[in-house]
Amino acid sequence: MDPDLAFVIGVVVGGLSIPLLLAAFTDGRLPRLAILFILVSMGMIGFAVFNQPNGYPIAEIPSVFVDVIGQYVR
């Protein structure tokens, strides 16, 4: 798997875990699905960072998103 794709998917899944976490806490139940999403997100981002030789500087993250989206939209 392409490290850039894994990074983008990891960030998106991590972002989706936030509403799940808030919904579980407001309903007073355990955030099982949110924890699963967070673990998957951490795994994918970790995979991407370890397989990318230079890592991902903060200023480069938007261009990574655009590149990955551009690859799959074409």
N, C-alpha and C. Protein backbone atom coordinates (compact mmCIF):
# COMPACT_ATOMS: atom_id res chain seq x y z
N MET A 1 0.85 -1.17 0.00
CA MET A 1 0.00 0.00 0.00
C MET A 1 0.90 1.23 0.00
N ASP A 2 0.47 2.21 -0.72
CA ASP A 2 1.18 3.48 -0.80
C ASP A 2 1.14 4.19 0.55
N PRO A 3 2.29 4.63 1.07
CA PRO A 3 2.28 5.31 2.37
C PRO A 3 1.44 6.58 2.39
N ASP A 4 1.39 7.31 1.28
CA ASP A 4 0.58 8.52 1.24
C ASP A 4 -0.91 8.18 1.37
N LEU A 5 -1.34 7.14 0.68
CA LEU A 5 -2.74 6.71 0.77
C LEU A 5 -3.07 6.26 2.19
N ALA A 6 -2.17 5.49 2.80
CA ALA A 6 -2.39 5.04 4.18
C ALA A 6 -2.48 6.23 5.13
N PHE A 7 -1.64 7.24 4.90
CA PHE A 7 -1.67 8.43 5.76
C PHE A 7 -3.00 9.17 5.63
N VAL A 8 -3.47 9.36 4.41
CA VAL A 8 -4.72 10.08 4.19
C VAL A 8 -5.90 9.31 4.78
N ILE A 9 -5.93 8.01 4.57
CA ILE A 9 -7.02 7.20 5.13
C ILE A 9 -6.97 7.23 6.66
N GLY A 10 -5.76 7.17 7.21
CA GLY A 10 -5.61 7.23 8.66
C GLY A 10 -6.10 8.54 9.25
N VAL A 11 -5.80 9.64 8.59
CA VAL A 11 -6.26 10.95 9.08
C VAL A 11 -7.78 11.06 8.97
N VAL A 12 -8.35 10.58 7.88
CA VAL A 12 -9.80 10.65 7.70
C VAL A 12 -10.52 9.77 8.74
N VAL A 13 -10.02 8.57 8.95
CA VAL A 13 -10.63 7.68 9.94
C VAL A 13 -10.48 8.27 11.35
N GLY A 14 -9.34 8.89 11.62
CA GLY A 14 -9.15 9.56 12.90
C GLY A 14 -10.12 10.71 13.10
N GLY A 15 -10.37 11.44 12.04
CA GLY A 15 -11.35 12.53 12.11
C GLY A 15 -12.76 12.02 12.32
N LEU A 16 -13.08 10.88 11.73
CA LEU A 16 -14.41 10.30 11.92
C LEU A 16 -14.60 9.74 13.33
N SER A 17 -13.52 9.47 14.02
CA SER A 17 -13.65 8.94 15.38
C SER A 17 -14.12 10.00 16.38
N ILE A 18 -13.91 11.26 16.08
CA ILE A 18 -14.28 12.32 17.02
C ILE A 18 -15.79 12.39 17.25
N PRO A 19 -16.62 12.43 16.18
CA PRO A 19 -18.07 12.43 16.44
C PRO A 19 -18.55 11.15 17.13
N LEU A 20 -17.93 10.02 16.79
CA LEU A 20 -18.30 8.78 17.45
C LEU A 20 -17.98 8.82 18.94
N LEU A 21 -16.86 9.39 19.27
CA LEU A 21 -16.44 9.52 20.66
C LEU A 21 -17.40 10.44 21.42
N LEU A 22 -17.73 11.57 20.84
CA LEU A 22 -18.66 12.50 21.49
C LEU A 22 -20.05 11.90 21.65
N ALA A 23 -20.52 11.19 20.64
CA ALA A 23 -21.85 10.57 20.72
C ALA A 23 -21.90 9.51 21.82
N ALA A 24 -20.85 8.73 21.94
CA ALA A 24 -20.82 7.70 22.97
C ALA A 24 -20.80 8.32 24.37
N PHE A 25 -20.03 9.38 24.55
CA PHE A 25 -19.97 10.01 25.87
C PHE A 25 -21.27 10.70 26.23
N THR A 26 -21.94 11.31 25.27
CA THR A 26 -23.20 11.98 25.58
C THR A 26 -24.32 10.98 25.88
N ASP A 27 -24.24 9.79 25.27
CA ASP A 27 -25.23 8.76 25.55
C ASP A 27 -24.89 7.95 26.80
N GLY A 28 -23.70 8.15 27.35
CA GLY A 28 -23.31 7.45 28.55
C GLY A 28 -22.92 6.00 28.32
N ARG A 29 -22.40 5.69 27.16
CA ARG A 29 -21.98 4.31 26.88
C ARG A 29 -20.49 4.30 26.53
N LEU A 30 -19.94 3.09 26.48
CA LEU A 30 -18.53 2.96 26.15
C LEU A 30 -18.29 3.25 24.66
N PRO A 31 -17.24 3.98 24.35
CA PRO A 31 -16.97 4.33 22.95
C PRO A 31 -16.19 3.23 22.22
N ARG A 32 -16.77 2.05 22.09
CA ARG A 32 -16.06 0.92 21.49
C ARG A 32 -15.69 1.18 20.03
N LEU A 33 -16.64 1.64 19.23
CA LEU A 33 -16.37 1.88 17.82
C LEU A 33 -15.38 3.03 17.65
N ALA A 34 -15.49 4.04 18.48
CA ALA A 34 -14.56 5.17 18.41
C ALA A 34 -13.14 4.71 18.73
N ILE A 35 -13.00 3.83 19.71
CA ILE A 35 -11.67 3.31 20.06
C ILE A 35 -11.12 2.47 18.91
N LEU A 36 -11.97 1.69 18.27
CA LEU A 36 -11.53 0.90 17.11
C LEU A 36 -11.06 1.82 15.99
N PHE A 37 -11.82 2.87 15.72
CA PHE A 37 -11.42 3.83 14.69
C PHE A 37 -10.09 4.50 15.04
N ILE A 38 -9.90 4.85 16.29
CA ILE A 38 -8.65 5.49 16.72
C ILE A 38 -7.48 4.53 16.54
N LEU A 39 -7.66 3.26 16.90
CA LEU A 39 -6.59 2.29 16.74
C LEU A 39 -6.24 2.06 15.27
N VAL A 40 -7.26 1.97 14.42
CA VAL A 40 -7.02 1.81 12.99
C VAL A 40 -6.30 3.03 12.44
N SER A 41 -6.73 4.19 12.87
CA SER A 41 -6.10 5.44 12.43
C SER A 41 -4.64 5.49 12.85
N MET A 42 -4.36 5.17 14.10
CA MET A 42 -2.98 5.19 14.57
C MET A 42 -2.12 4.17 13.82
N GLY A 43 -2.68 3.01 13.53
CA GLY A 43 -1.94 1.99 12.78
C GLY A 43 -1.61 2.44 11.37
N MET A 44 -2.57 3.03 10.70
CA MET A 44 -2.34 3.46 9.32
C MET A 44 -1.37 4.64 9.25
N ILE A 45 -1.52 5.59 10.17
CA ILE A 45 -0.59 6.72 10.19
C ILE A 45 0.80 6.25 10.57
N GLY A 46 0.90 5.33 11.52
CA GLY A 46 2.20 4.78 11.89
C GLY A 46 2.86 4.05 10.74
N PHE A 47 2.08 3.24 10.02
CA PHE A 47 2.60 2.56 8.83
C PHE A 47 3.13 3.55 7.82
N ALA A 48 2.37 4.61 7.58
CA ALA A 48 2.78 5.61 6.59
C ALA A 48 4.04 6.34 7.02
N VAL A 49 4.13 6.72 8.28
CA VAL A 49 5.29 7.48 8.75
C VAL A 49 6.55 6.62 8.72
N PHE A 50 6.43 5.34 9.08
CA PHE A 50 7.61 4.48 9.08
C PHE A 50 8.05 4.09 7.68
N ASN A 51 7.14 4.11 6.71
CA ASN A 51 7.51 3.74 5.34
C ASN A 51 7.84 4.94 4.47
N GLN A 52 7.65 6.13 4.96
CA GLN A 52 8.01 7.35 4.23
C GLN A 52 9.39 7.77 4.71
N PRO A 53 10.38 7.84 3.81
CA PRO A 53 11.76 8.12 4.25
C PRO A 53 11.91 9.46 4.98
N ASN A 54 11.25 10.50 4.53
CA ASN A 54 11.42 11.82 5.13
C ASN A 54 10.34 12.18 6.14
N GLY A 55 9.36 11.31 6.34
CA GLY A 55 8.25 11.63 7.22
C GLY A 55 7.28 12.59 6.54
N TYR A 56 6.43 13.21 7.32
CA TYR A 56 5.45 14.15 6.81
C TYR A 56 5.53 15.46 7.57
N PRO A 57 6.25 16.44 7.02
CA PRO A 57 6.24 17.75 7.67
C PRO A 57 4.84 18.36 7.63
N ILE A 58 4.52 19.17 8.61
CA ILE A 58 3.18 19.76 8.72
C ILE A 58 2.82 20.54 7.45
N ALA A 59 3.77 21.26 6.88
CA ALA A 59 3.48 22.08 5.69
C ALA A 59 3.19 21.23 4.46
N GLU A 60 3.59 19.95 4.48
CA GLU A 60 3.42 19.08 3.32
C GLU A 60 2.10 18.30 3.33
N ILE A 61 1.40 18.27 4.45
CA ILE A 61 0.20 17.45 4.59
C ILE A 61 -0.90 17.84 3.59
N PRO A 62 -1.21 19.12 3.37
CA PRO A 62 -2.24 19.44 2.37
C PRO A 62 -1.87 18.96 0.96
N SER A 63 -0.61 19.05 0.59
CA SER A 63 -0.22 18.59 -0.74
C SER A 63 -0.31 17.06 -0.85
N VAL A 64 -0.10 16.35 0.25
CA VAL A 64 -0.26 14.89 0.24
C VAL A 64 -1.72 14.55 -0.02
N PHE A 65 -2.64 15.26 0.64
CA PHE A 65 -4.07 15.03 0.41
C PHE A 65 -4.43 15.29 -1.04
N VAL A 66 -3.97 16.40 -1.58
CA VAL A 66 -4.30 16.75 -2.97
C VAL A 66 -3.72 15.71 -3.93
N ASP A 67 -2.50 15.27 -3.69
CA ASP A 67 -1.87 14.27 -4.57
C ASP A 67 -2.63 12.96 -4.56
N VAL A 68 -3.02 12.50 -3.36
CA VAL A 68 -3.73 11.22 -3.25
C VAL A 68 -5.11 11.32 -3.90
N ILE A 69 -5.83 12.40 -3.63
CA ILE A 69 -7.15 12.57 -4.24
C ILE A 69 -7.02 12.68 -5.76
N GLY A 70 -6.00 13.41 -6.22
CA GLY A 70 -5.77 13.55 -7.66
C GLY A 70 -5.46 12.22 -8.33
N GLN A 71 -4.74 11.34 -7.65
CA GLN A 71 -4.43 10.02 -8.21
C GLN A 71 -5.69 9.20 -8.47
N TYR A 72 -6.61 9.25 -7.54
CA TYR A 72 -7.79 8.38 -7.63
C TYR A 72 -8.98 9.02 -8.33
N VAL A 73 -8.96 10.32 -8.55
CA VAL A 73 -10.06 10.96 -9.27
C VAL A 73 -9.83 10.86 -10.78
N ARG A 74 -8.57 10.91 -11.17
CA ARG A 74 -8.27 10.84 -12.62
C ARG A 74 -8.73 9.57 -13.22
